[in-house]
C-alpha atoms as a PDB file:
ATOM      1  CA  UNK A   1     -23.622 -29.313  23.584  1.00  0.00           C
ATOM      2  CA  UNK A   2     -25.649 -26.191  22.740  1.00  0.00           C
ATOM      3  CA  UNK A   3     -25.133 -26.031  18.693  1.00  0.00           C
ATOM      4  CA  UNK A   4     -26.109 -22.940  16.764  1.00  0.00           C
ATOM      5  CA  UNK A   5     -25.696 -23.029  13.249  1.00  0.00           C
ATOM      6  CA  UNK A   6     -25.614 -20.133  11.099  1.00  0.00           C
ATOM      7  CA  UNK A   7     -28.623 -18.645  12.799  1.00  0.00           C
ATOM      8  CA  UNK A   8     -29.895 -15.230  11.872  1.00  0.00           C
ATOM      9  CA  UNK A   9     -32.405 -12.718  12.533  1.00  0.00           C
ATOM     10  CA  UNK A  10     -34.281  -9.635  10.183  1.00  0.00           C
ATOM     11  CA  UNK A  11     -36.366  -7.587  11.360  1.00  0.00           C
ATOM     12  CA  UNK A  12     -38.851  -5.232   9.187  1.00  0.00           C
ATOM     13  CA  UNK A  13     -39.100  -1.299  10.463  1.00  0.00           C
ATOM     14  CA  UNK A  14     -40.637   0.604   7.911  1.00  0.00           C
ATOM     15  CA  UNK A  15     -39.205  -0.367   4.354  1.00  0.00           C
ATOM     16  CA  UNK A  16     -35.783  -0.896   5.965  1.00  0.00           C
ATOM     17  CA  UNK A  17     -34.658  -4.675   6.506  1.00  0.00           C
ATOM     18  CA  UNK A  18     -32.735  -3.940  10.291  1.00  0.00           C
ATOM     19  CA  UNK A  19     -30.481  -7.753  11.042  1.00  0.00           C
ATOM     20  CA  UNK A  20     -29.957  -8.110  14.438  1.00  0.00           C
ATOM     21  CA  UNK A  21     -28.555 -11.179  13.521  1.00  0.00           C
ATOM     22  CA  UNK A  22     -26.137 -12.072  10.957  1.00  0.00           C
ATOM     23  CA  UNK A  23     -25.253 -16.025  10.316  1.00  0.00           C
ATOM     24  CA  UNK A  24     -23.284 -16.905  13.566  1.00  0.00           C
ATOM     25  CA  UNK A  25     -22.075 -19.712  13.921  1.00  0.00           C
ATOM     26  CA  UNK A  26     -21.085 -21.054  18.213  1.00  0.00           C
ATOM     27  CA  UNK A  27     -20.872 -24.094  19.868  1.00  0.00           C
ATOM     28  CA  UNK A  28     -20.604 -24.588  23.442  1.00  0.00           C
ATOM     29  CA  UNK A  29     -20.032 -27.882  25.447  1.00  0.00           C
ATOM     30  CA  UNK A  30     -21.349 -28.630  29.077  1.00  0.00           C
ATOM     31  CA  UNK A  31     -20.393 -26.502  31.898  1.00  0.00           C
ATOM     32  CA  UNK A  32     -18.942 -23.245  29.737  1.00  0.00           C
ATOM     33  CA  UNK A  33     -19.451 -20.250  30.962  1.00  0.00           C
ATOM     34  CA  UNK A  34     -19.448 -17.916  28.313  1.00  0.00           C
ATOM     35  CA  UNK A  35     -19.816 -13.692  28.994  1.00  0.00           C
ATOM     36  CA  UNK A  36     -21.067 -11.699  26.160  1.00  0.00           C
ATOM     37  CA  UNK A  37     -20.097  -7.980  25.415  1.00  0.00           C
ATOM     38  CA  UNK A  38     -21.141  -5.703  23.237  1.00  0.00           C
ATOM     39  CA  UNK A  39     -22.613  -2.007  22.686  1.00  0.00           C
ATOM     40  CA  UNK A  40     -26.662  -1.409  22.452  1.00  0.00           C
ATOM     41  CA  UNK A  41     -28.407  -2.493  18.910  1.00  0.00           C
ATOM     42  CA  UNK A  42     -24.800  -5.660  18.964  1.00  0.00           C
ATOM     43  CA  UNK A  43     -27.554  -7.948  19.212  1.00  0.00           C
ATOM     44  CA  UNK A  44     -26.313  -9.934  22.702  1.00  0.00           C
ATOM     45  CA  UNK A  45     -30.173  -9.418  24.229  1.00  0.00           C
ATOM     46  CA  UNK A  46     -31.761 -10.869  20.648  1.00  0.00           C
ATOM     47  CA  UNK A  47     -29.036 -13.895  20.574  1.00  0.00           C
ATOM     48  CA  UNK A  48     -30.581 -14.969  23.706  1.00  0.00           C
ATOM     49  CA  UNK A  49     -33.974 -14.714  22.643  1.00  0.00           C
ATOM     50  CA  UNK A  50     -33.205 -16.962  19.384  1.00  0.00           C
ATOM     51  CA  UNK A  51     -32.069 -19.660  22.034  1.00  0.00           C
ATOM     52  CA  UNK A  52     -34.529 -19.072  24.178  1.00  0.00           C
ATOM     53  CA  UNK A  53     -37.514 -18.761  21.611  1.00  0.00           C
ATOM     54  CA  UNK A  54     -38.178 -15.378  21.968  1.00  0.00           C
ATOM     55  CA  UNK A  55     -37.551 -15.076  18.397  1.00  0.00           C
ATOM     56  CA  UNK A  56     -37.787 -17.596  16.261  1.00  0.00           C
ATOM     57  CA  UNK A  57     -34.627 -17.552  13.735  1.00  0.00           C
ATOM     58  CA  UNK A  58     -35.036 -16.102  10.606  1.00  0.00           C
ATOM     59  CA  UNK A  59     -32.177 -18.505   9.215  1.00  0.00           C
ATOM     60  CA  UNK A  60     -30.077 -21.098  11.218  1.00  0.00           C
ATOM     61  CA  UNK A  61     -31.140 -23.699  13.293  1.00  0.00           C
ATOM     62  CA  UNK A  62     -30.338 -23.411  16.963  1.00  0.00           C
ATOM     63  CA  UNK A  63     -29.454 -27.670  18.691  1.00  0.00           C
ATOM     64  CA  UNK A  64     -28.946 -28.386  22.168  1.00  0.00           C
ATOM     65  CA  UNK A  65     -27.897 -31.835  22.940  1.00  0.00           C
ATOM     66  CA  UNK A  66     -28.719 -33.042  19.378  1.00  0.00           C
ATOM     67  CA  UNK A  67     -32.011 -31.974  19.757  1.00  0.00           C
ATOM     68  CA  UNK A  68     -33.576 -28.931  17.103  1.00  0.00           C
ATOM     69  CA  UNK A  69     -35.422 -26.521  18.433  1.00  0.00           C
ATOM     70  CA  UNK A  70     -35.395 -24.005  15.919  1.00  0.00           C
ATOM     71  CA  UNK A  71     -38.583 -24.448  15.772  1.00  0.00           C
ATOM     72  CA  UNK A  72     -40.080 -25.150  19.081  1.00  0.00           C
ATOM     73  CA  UNK A  73     -41.750 -21.626  20.625  1.00  0.00           C
ATOM     74  CA  UNK A  74     -40.475 -20.729  24.616  1.00  0.00           C
ATOM     75  CA  UNK A  75     -43.083 -21.902  26.451  1.00  0.00           C
ATOM     76  CA  UNK A  76     -41.649 -25.828  25.036  1.00  0.00           C
ATOM     77  CA  UNK A  77     -38.020 -25.047  26.097  1.00  0.00           C
ATOM     78  CA  UNK A  78     -38.300 -24.177  29.269  1.00  0.00           C
ATOM     79  CA  UNK A  79     -37.921 -26.906  30.334  1.00  0.00           C
ATOM     80  CA  UNK A  80     -34.025 -27.238  29.488  1.00  0.00           C
ATOM     81  CA  UNK A  81     -33.542 -23.623  29.225  1.00  0.00           C
ATOM     82  CA  UNK A  82     -33.255 -21.123  31.871  1.00  0.00           C
ATOM     83  CA  UNK A  83     -33.910 -17.658  31.685  1.00  0.00           C
ATOM     84  CA  UNK A  84     -33.040 -14.618  33.947  1.00  0.00           C
ATOM     85  CA  UNK A  85     -33.624 -10.595  32.497  1.00  0.00           C
ATOM     86  CA  UNK A  86     -32.870  -7.354  33.902  1.00  0.00           C
ATOM     87  CA  UNK A  87     -35.838  -6.860  35.329  1.00  0.00           C
ATOM     88  CA  UNK A  88     -36.914  -8.052  38.587  1.00  0.00           C
ATOM     89  CA  UNK A  89     -40.762  -7.744  37.704  1.00  0.00           C
ATOM     90  CA  UNK A  90     -40.061  -9.975  34.881  1.00  0.00           C
ATOM     91  CA  UNK A  91     -39.783 -13.196  36.087  1.00  0.00           C
ATOM     92  CA  UNK A  92     -41.912 -13.336  38.721  1.00  0.00           C
ATOM     93  CA  UNK A  93     -45.998 -13.473  39.042  1.00  0.00           C
ATOM     94  CA  UNK A  94     -46.659 -10.159  41.192  1.00  0.00           C
ATOM     95  CA  UNK A  95     -50.449 -11.555  42.088  1.00  0.00           C
ATOM     96  CA  UNK A  96     -49.189 -14.495  43.574  1.00  0.00           C
ATOM     97  CA  UNK A  97     -47.241 -15.114  46.880  1.00  0.00           C
ATOM     98  CA  UNK A  98     -44.140 -16.610  46.690  1.00  0.00           C
ATOM     99  CA  UNK A  99     -44.781 -20.617  47.884  1.00  0.00           C
ATOM    100  CA  UNK A 100     -47.179 -20.136  44.054  1.00  0.00           C
ATOM    101  CA  UNK A 101     -44.086 -19.279  42.129  1.00  0.00           C
ATOM    102  CA  UNK A 102     -42.584 -21.493  43.622  1.00  0.00           C
ATOM    103  CA  UNK A 103     -45.380 -24.383  42.365  1.00  0.00           C
ATOM    104  CA  UNK A 104     -46.187 -22.932  39.111  1.00  0.00           C
ATOM    105  CA  UNK A 105     -42.608 -23.360  38.251  1.00  0.00           C
ATOM    106  CA  UNK A 106     -42.088 -27.015  39.162  1.00  0.00           C
ATOM    107  CA  UNK A 107     -45.107 -27.670  37.597  1.00  0.00           C
ATOM    108  CA  UNK A 108     -43.349 -26.573  34.751  1.00  0.00           C
ATOM    109  CA  UNK A 109     -40.602 -29.276  35.381  1.00  0.00           C
ATOM    110  CA  UNK A 110     -42.174 -32.211  37.021  1.00  0.00           C
ATOM    111  CA  UNK A 111     -45.388 -31.686  34.217  1.00  0.00           C
ATOM    112  CA  UNK A 112     -47.536 -31.407  36.553  1.00  0.00           C
ATOM    113  CA  UNK A 113     -51.258 -31.493  36.189  1.00  0.00           C
ATOM    114  CA  UNK A 114     -51.278 -28.797  38.511  1.00  0.00           C
ATOM    115  CA  UNK A 115     -49.566 -27.000  40.813  1.00  0.00           C
ATOM    116  CA  UNK A 116     -47.832 -28.576  44.265  1.00  0.00           C
ATOM    117  CA  UNK A 117     -48.471 -26.616  46.823  1.00  0.00           C
ATOM    118  CA  UNK A 118     -48.663 -29.681  49.132  1.00  0.00           C
ATOM    119  CA  UNK A 119     -47.157 -29.674  53.466  1.00  0.00           C
ATOM    120  CA  UNK A 120     -44.360 -31.682  51.769  1.00  0.00           C
ATOM    121  CA  UNK A 121     -44.140 -29.507  49.702  1.00  0.00           C
ATOM    122  CA  UNK A 122     -43.932 -26.197  51.314  1.00  0.00           C
ATOM    123  CA  UNK A 123     -41.526 -27.846  53.795  1.00  0.00           C
ATOM    124  CA  UNK A 124     -38.954 -28.339  50.345  1.00  0.00           C
ATOM    125  CA  UNK A 125     -39.442 -24.887  49.157  1.00  0.00           C
ATOM    126  CA  UNK A 126     -39.219 -23.721  53.066  1.00  0.00           C
ATOM    127  CA  UNK A 127     -36.271 -25.576  52.904  1.00  0.00           C
ATOM    128  CA  UNK A 128     -35.015 -24.531  50.115  1.00  0.00           C
ATOM    129  CA  UNK A 129     -35.256 -20.886  50.352  1.00  0.00           C
ATOM    130  CA  UNK A 130     -33.158 -21.134  53.880  1.00  0.00           C
ATOM    131  CA  UNK A 131     -30.216 -21.657  52.172  1.00  0.00           C
ATOM    132  CA  UNK A 132     -30.894 -17.884  50.149  1.00  0.00           C
ATOM    133  CA  UNK A 133     -30.636 -16.194  54.423  1.00  0.00           C
ATOM    134  CA  UNK A 134     -32.552 -13.366  53.357  1.00  0.00           C
ATOM    135  CA  UNK A 135     -35.585 -14.657  55.259  1.00  0.00           C
ATOM    136  CA  UNK A 136     -37.428 -14.832  52.508  1.00  0.00           C
ATOM    137  CA  UNK A 137     -37.913 -19.325  53.790  1.00  0.00           C
ATOM    138  CA  UNK A 138     -40.802 -17.731  56.584  1.00  0.00           C
ATOM    139  CA  UNK A 139     -42.230 -15.584  53.239  1.00  0.00           C
ATOM    140  CA  UNK A 140     -43.932 -18.170  51.774  1.00  0.00           C
ATOM    141  CA  UNK A 141     -47.552 -16.977  51.503  1.00  0.00           C
ATOM    142  CA  UNK A 142     -46.344 -13.865  50.614  1.00  0.00           C
ATOM    143  CA  UNK A 143     -47.229 -11.940  47.994  1.00  0.00           C
ATOM    144  CA  UNK A 144     -44.675 -11.557  45.743  1.00  0.00           C
ATOM    145  CA  UNK A 145     -45.237  -8.036  44.765  1.00  0.00           C
ATOM    146  CA  UNK A 146     -45.146  -7.137  48.286  1.00  0.00           C
ATOM    147  CA  UNK A 147     -41.402  -8.285  48.279  1.00  0.00           C
ATOM    148  CA  UNK A 148     -37.900  -5.964  47.084  1.00  0.00           C
ATOM    149  CA  UNK A 149     -36.393  -5.834  44.215  1.00  0.00           C
ATOM    150  CA  UNK A 150     -33.351  -8.278  45.463  1.00  0.00           C
ATOM    151  CA  UNK A 151     -35.592 -11.095  46.683  1.00  0.00           C
ATOM    152  CA  UNK A 152     -37.815 -10.758  43.720  1.00  0.00           C
ATOM    153  CA  UNK A 153     -34.559 -11.082  41.722  1.00  0.00           C
ATOM    154  CA  UNK A 154     -33.147 -13.991  44.272  1.00  0.00           C
ATOM    155  CA  UNK A 155     -36.844 -15.938  43.638  1.00  0.00           C
ATOM    156  CA  UNK A 156     -36.664 -15.645  39.830  1.00  0.00           C
ATOM    157  CA  UNK A 157     -33.104 -17.500  40.414  1.00  0.00           C
ATOM    158  CA  UNK A 158     -34.253 -20.225  42.641  1.00  0.00           C
ATOM    159  CA  UNK A 159     -37.556 -20.475  39.396  1.00  0.00           C
ATOM    160  CA  UNK A 160     -34.908 -20.748  36.753  1.00  0.00           C
ATOM    161  CA  UNK A 161     -32.692 -23.644  38.009  1.00  0.00           C
ATOM    162  CA  UNK A 162     -35.662 -25.647  39.475  1.00  0.00           C
ATOM    163  CA  UNK A 163     -35.330 -27.664  36.213  1.00  0.00           C
ATOM    164  CA  UNK A 164     -31.813 -28.229  36.810  1.00  0.00           C
ATOM    165  CA  UNK A 165     -31.700 -25.925  33.073  1.00  0.00           C
ATOM    166  CA  UNK A 166     -29.623 -27.167  30.243  1.00  0.00           C
ATOM    167  CA  UNK A 167     -28.739 -24.461  29.569  1.00  0.00           C
ATOM    168  CA  UNK A 168     -29.040 -20.944  31.385  1.00  0.00           C
ATOM    169  CA  UNK A 169     -29.270 -17.583  30.099  1.00  0.00           C
ATOM    170  CA  UNK A 170     -28.314 -14.470  31.940  1.00  0.00           C
ATOM    171  CA  UNK A 171     -29.409 -11.060  30.724  1.00  0.00           C
ATOM    172  CA  UNK A 172     -27.625  -8.295  32.539  1.00  0.00           C
ATOM    173  CA  UNK A 173     -29.479 -10.004  35.017  1.00  0.00           C
ATOM    174  CA  UNK A 174     -27.685  -8.027  38.457  1.00  0.00           C
ATOM    175  CA  UNK A 175     -27.745  -4.688  36.687  1.00  0.00           C
ATOM    176  CA  UNK A 176     -31.567  -3.103  37.904  1.00  0.00           C
ATOM    177  CA  UNK A 177     -30.266  -3.816  41.855  1.00  0.00           C
ATOM    178  CA  UNK A 178     -28.285  -1.666  44.244  1.00  0.00           C
ATOM    179  CA  UNK A 179     -24.592  -3.123  44.610  1.00  0.00           C
ATOM    180  CA  UNK A 180     -25.823  -5.086  47.494  1.00  0.00           C
ATOM    181  CA  UNK A 181     -28.619  -6.799  46.610  1.00  0.00           C
ATOM    182  CA  UNK A 182     -26.130  -6.877  42.913  1.00  0.00           C
ATOM    183  CA  UNK A 183     -23.820  -8.943  45.011  1.00  0.00           C
ATOM    184  CA  UNK A 184     -26.466 -11.498  46.648  1.00  0.00           C
ATOM    185  CA  UNK A 185     -27.882 -12.511  43.072  1.00  0.00           C
ATOM    186  CA  UNK A 186     -24.513 -12.898  41.755  1.00  0.00           C
ATOM    187  CA  UNK A 187     -23.374 -14.913  44.615  1.00  0.00           C
ATOM    188  CA  UNK A 188     -26.193 -17.152  43.975  1.00  0.00           C
ATOM    189  CA  UNK A 189     -25.677 -17.592  40.537  1.00  0.00           C
ATOM    190  CA  UNK A 190     -22.717 -18.926  41.067  1.00  0.00           C
ATOM    191  CA  UNK A 191     -23.243 -21.234  43.308  1.00  0.00           C
ATOM    192  CA  UNK A 192     -26.301 -22.370  40.989  1.00  0.00           C
ATOM    193  CA  UNK A 193     -23.978 -22.323  38.061  1.00  0.00           C
ATOM    194  CA  UNK A 194     -21.238 -24.402  39.980  1.00  0.00           C
ATOM    195  CA  UNK A 195     -23.527 -27.183  40.705  1.00  0.00           C
ATOM    196  CA  UNK A 196     -25.517 -27.240  38.386  1.00  0.00           C
ATOM    197  CA  UNK A 197     -22.859 -27.029  35.539  1.00  0.00           C
ATOM    198  CA  UNK A 198     -25.375 -25.531  32.887  1.00  0.00           C
ATOM    199  CA  UNK A 199     -24.338 -24.087  29.745  1.00  0.00           C
ATOM    200  CA  UNK A 200     -24.029 -20.823  30.956  1.00  0.00           C
ATOM    201  CA  UNK A 201     -24.653 -17.471  28.969  1.00  0.00           C
ATOM    202  CA  UNK A 202     -23.511 -14.289  30.604  1.00  0.00           C
ATOM    203  CA  UNK A 203     -24.679 -11.239  28.614  1.00  0.00           C
ATOM    204  CA  UNK A 204     -22.747  -7.857  30.735  1.00  0.00           C
ATOM    205  CA  UNK A 205     -21.643  -4.902  29.566  1.00  0.00           C
ATOM    206  CA  UNK A 206     -19.089  -4.514  33.282  1.00  0.00           C
ATOM    207  CA  UNK A 207     -16.217  -5.221  31.354  1.00  0.00           C
ATOM    208  CA  UNK A 208     -14.231  -6.609  34.415  1.00  0.00           C
ATOM    209  CA  UNK A 209     -17.139  -8.961  34.811  1.00  0.00           C
ATOM    210  CA  UNK A 210     -16.836 -10.276  31.416  1.00  0.00           C
ATOM    211  CA  UNK A 211     -13.380 -10.585  31.762  1.00  0.00           C
ATOM    212  CA  UNK A 212     -12.833 -12.740  35.855  1.00  0.00           C
ATOM    213  CA  UNK A 213     -16.541 -15.070  34.519  1.00  0.00           C
ATOM    214  CA  UNK A 214     -16.101 -18.430  32.869  1.00  0.00           C
ATOM    215  CA  UNK A 215     -13.736 -19.447  30.566  1.00  0.00           C
ATOM    216  CA  UNK A 216     -14.770 -17.903  27.436  1.00  0.00           C
ATOM    217  CA  UNK A 217     -15.579 -14.438  25.915  1.00  0.00           C
ATOM    218  CA  UNK A 218     -17.007 -13.137  23.406  1.00  0.00           C
ATOM    219  CA  UNK A 219     -17.045  -9.446  21.868  1.00  0.00           C
ATOM    220  CA  UNK A 220     -20.137  -8.474  19.788  1.00  0.00           C
ATOM    221  CA  UNK A 221     -21.075  -6.013  17.021  1.00  0.00           C
ATOM    222  CA  UNK A 222     -23.437  -5.510  14.422  1.00  0.00           C
ATOM    223  CA  UNK A 223     -24.836  -8.752  15.185  1.00  0.00           C
ATOM    224  CA  UNK A 224     -21.789 -10.568  14.805  1.00  0.00           C
ATOM    225  CA  UNK A 225     -19.270 -12.439  16.480  1.00  0.00           C
ATOM    226  CA  UNK A 226     -15.850  -9.664  16.340  1.00  0.00           C
ATOM    227  CA  UNK A 227     -13.784 -11.451  18.520  1.00  0.00           C
ATOM    228  CA  UNK A 228     -13.854 -14.601  20.991  1.00  0.00           C
ATOM    229  CA  UNK A 229     -11.075 -14.933  23.716  1.00  0.00           C
ATOM    230  CA  UNK A 230     -10.682 -18.143  25.692  1.00  0.00           C
ATOM    231  CA  UNK A 231      -8.158 -19.912  27.332  1.00  0.00           C
ATOM    232  CA  UNK A 232      -5.013 -18.367  28.213  1.00  0.00           C
ATOM    233  CA  UNK A 233      -5.781 -16.012  25.783  1.00  0.00           C
ATOM    234  CA  UNK A 234      -8.827 -14.964  28.146  1.00  0.00           C
ATOM    235  CA  UNK A 235      -6.814 -14.667  31.353  1.00  0.00           C
ATOM    236  CA  UNK A 236      -4.098 -12.544  30.879  1.00  0.00           C
ATOM    237  CA  UNK A 237      -6.616 -10.594  29.204  1.00  0.00           C
ATOM    238  CA  UNK A 238      -7.332  -6.719  30.717  1.00  0.00           C
ATOM    239  CA  UNK A 239      -9.926  -4.444  30.529  1.00  0.00           C
ATOM    240  CA  UNK A 240      -7.587  -1.569  28.005  1.00  0.00           C
ATOM    241  CA  UNK A 241      -7.424  -4.579  25.850  1.00  0.00           C
ATOM    242  CA  UNK A 242     -10.785  -4.480  25.128  1.00  0.00           C
ATOM    243  CA  UNK A 243     -11.665  -1.130  25.051  1.00  0.00           C
ATOM    244  CA  UNK A 244      -8.445  -0.755  22.552  1.00  0.00           C
ATOM    245  CA  UNK A 245     -10.271  -3.578  20.392  1.00  0.00           C
ATOM    246  CA  UNK A 246     -13.866  -1.994  20.419  1.00  0.00           C
ATOM    247  CA  UNK A 247     -11.842   1.335  19.616  1.00  0.00           C
ATOM    248  CA  UNK A 248     -10.530  -0.497  16.473  1.00  0.00           C
ATOM    249  CA  UNK A 249     -14.362  -0.563  15.235  1.00  0.00           C
ATOM    250  CA  UNK A 250     -14.955   2.348  16.565  1.00  0.00           C
ATOM    251  CA  UNK A 251     -17.784   1.580  18.615  1.00  0.00           C
ATOM    252  CA  UNK A 252     -17.919   4.294  21.072  1.00  0.00           C
ATOM    253  CA  UNK A 253     -21.135   4.183  23.473  1.00  0.00           C
ATOM    254  CA  UNK A 254     -21.152   5.711  27.166  1.00  0.00           C
ATOM    255  CA  UNK A 255     -22.436   2.539  28.858  1.00  0.00           C
ATOM    256  CA  UNK A 256     -20.613  -0.107  27.642  1.00  0.00           C
ATOM    257  CA  UNK A 257     -17.601   2.012  28.303  1.00  0.00           C
ATOM    258  CA  UNK A 258     -19.304   2.734  31.702  1.00  0.00           C
ATOM    259  CA  UNK A 259     -18.667  -1.168  31.877  1.00  0.00           C
ATOM    260  CA  UNK A 260     -14.911  -0.769  32.002  1.00  0.00           C
ATOM    261  CA  UNK A 261     -14.551   1.192  35.680  1.00  0.00           C
ATOM    262  CA  UNK A 262     -14.232  -0.857  39.218  1.00  0.00           C
ATOM    263  CA  UNK A 263     -18.004  -1.409  40.221  1.00  0.00           C
ATOM    264  CA  UNK A 264     -18.258  -0.382  43.795  1.00  0.00           C
ATOM    265  CA  UNK A 265     -20.263  -3.920  44.456  1.00  0.00           C
ATOM    266  CA  UNK A 266     -16.701  -5.754  42.683  1.00  0.00           C
ATOM    267  CA  UNK A 267     -14.432  -3.683  44.730  1.00  0.00           C
ATOM    268  CA  UNK A 268     -16.575  -4.331  48.051  1.00  0.00           C
ATOM    269  CA  UNK A 269     -15.707  -8.097  47.367  1.00  0.00           C
ATOM    270  CA  UNK A 270     -12.440  -7.404  46.766  1.00  0.00           C
ATOM    271  CA  UNK A 271     -12.300  -6.028  49.705  1.00  0.00           C
ATOM    272  CA  UNK A 272     -14.157  -8.164  51.479  1.00  0.00           C
ATOM    273  CA  UNK A 273     -12.843 -11.951  50.082  1.00  0.00           C
ATOM    274  CA  UNK A 274      -9.127 -10.591  47.648  1.00  0.00           C
ATOM    275  CA  UNK A 275      -8.578 -11.796  45.198  1.00  0.00           C
ATOM    276  CA  UNK A 276     -12.390 -13.007  44.476  1.00  0.00           C
ATOM    277  CA  UNK A 277     -14.745 -10.565  43.193  1.00  0.00           C
ATOM    278  CA  UNK A 278     -19.023 -10.615  43.460  1.00  0.00           C
ATOM    279  CA  UNK A 279     -20.741 -11.777  39.815  1.00  0.00           C
ATOM    280  CA  UNK A 280     -17.666 -14.702  38.928  1.00  0.00           C
ATOM    281  CA  UNK A 281     -19.061 -17.183  38.064  1.00  0.00           C
ATOM    282  CA  UNK A 282     -17.157 -20.747  38.025  1.00  0.00           C
ATOM    283  CA  UNK A 283     -14.041 -20.043  35.331  1.00  0.00           C
END
C-alpha cells in the first residue's frame, strides 16, 4: 500500500510562499491504477516528485508497504519506484548504447558493483526487446542518441519496469510523442501494468483517457484533491461531467480543455480494436 499522510510542499518565490501540495491524504492498494487530472499548476507533477523523492515534503509522510520513505532520496527509492516522464530524452543516457542503458538499470535493480554486459545478459536483453516488435533487439550496440523519440521512450519503459517496481509513476509520458508512437508506448505500459500489477499513478491532460484508464480518478486544484471517482461512478462518468466539475471550481485551462477532445490515436485505436482505446491501462 502507498500512503500519503497529510503531505505538503511549500516553495519560496521571493518573499512569497507557494503551497504546491496542501496536506494531501491518499491511500492506494497494490494493483490500483489512479489517473490524475487538473489544470497547469494544480500540483500533479509535484505530487509525483514527492512520491519519487525528487522533492522532499515540507510536512507529512510517504509510506510504502509500511516503510517510511519520507526522508529517503530519489536514488534510493528508485529500486521500488519507477518513473517515466514526458520528455523521451530524460529517461536515458544518450551517449551510451542501448545495452549499456539496460545494464545500468539492471545494476540498480540487482545492486551489482558494475554494469552487467556479459554475453548471456546481451541475449536476455535482446529477447526482452524482441517482444516490443520495433527492432530494438538488433540495436543493442547503437547509441541511444540515434534512436527516435518513440524508441527512446520504449527503452525508458523497459528500464523503469526492469526492477519490477512496487509503484509506477507516469507523468504525461506520451504527451511529447506523435499519435503512432504514443499508441505504442501506451500499449507497452499497459502490458507491464497488467503483468506486474504495481500501484500506478498516471498524470494526464486527456480527460477521455483519464476516465477510461484505471480504477480510480482524482481531480486536483491548487495542490489539493477536490474530487475523486471510483467504482461505478468512474465507469459511468463522462468528459462533459468532468468539464462541469472544473467549471464549478472556475478552472479555465486551454490545455486541459483540449484534453476533453477525443485524441487522434484514441480514435484510430477504436477503429482498429472496437471499444478498446489506445492508452487504456487495466482497470
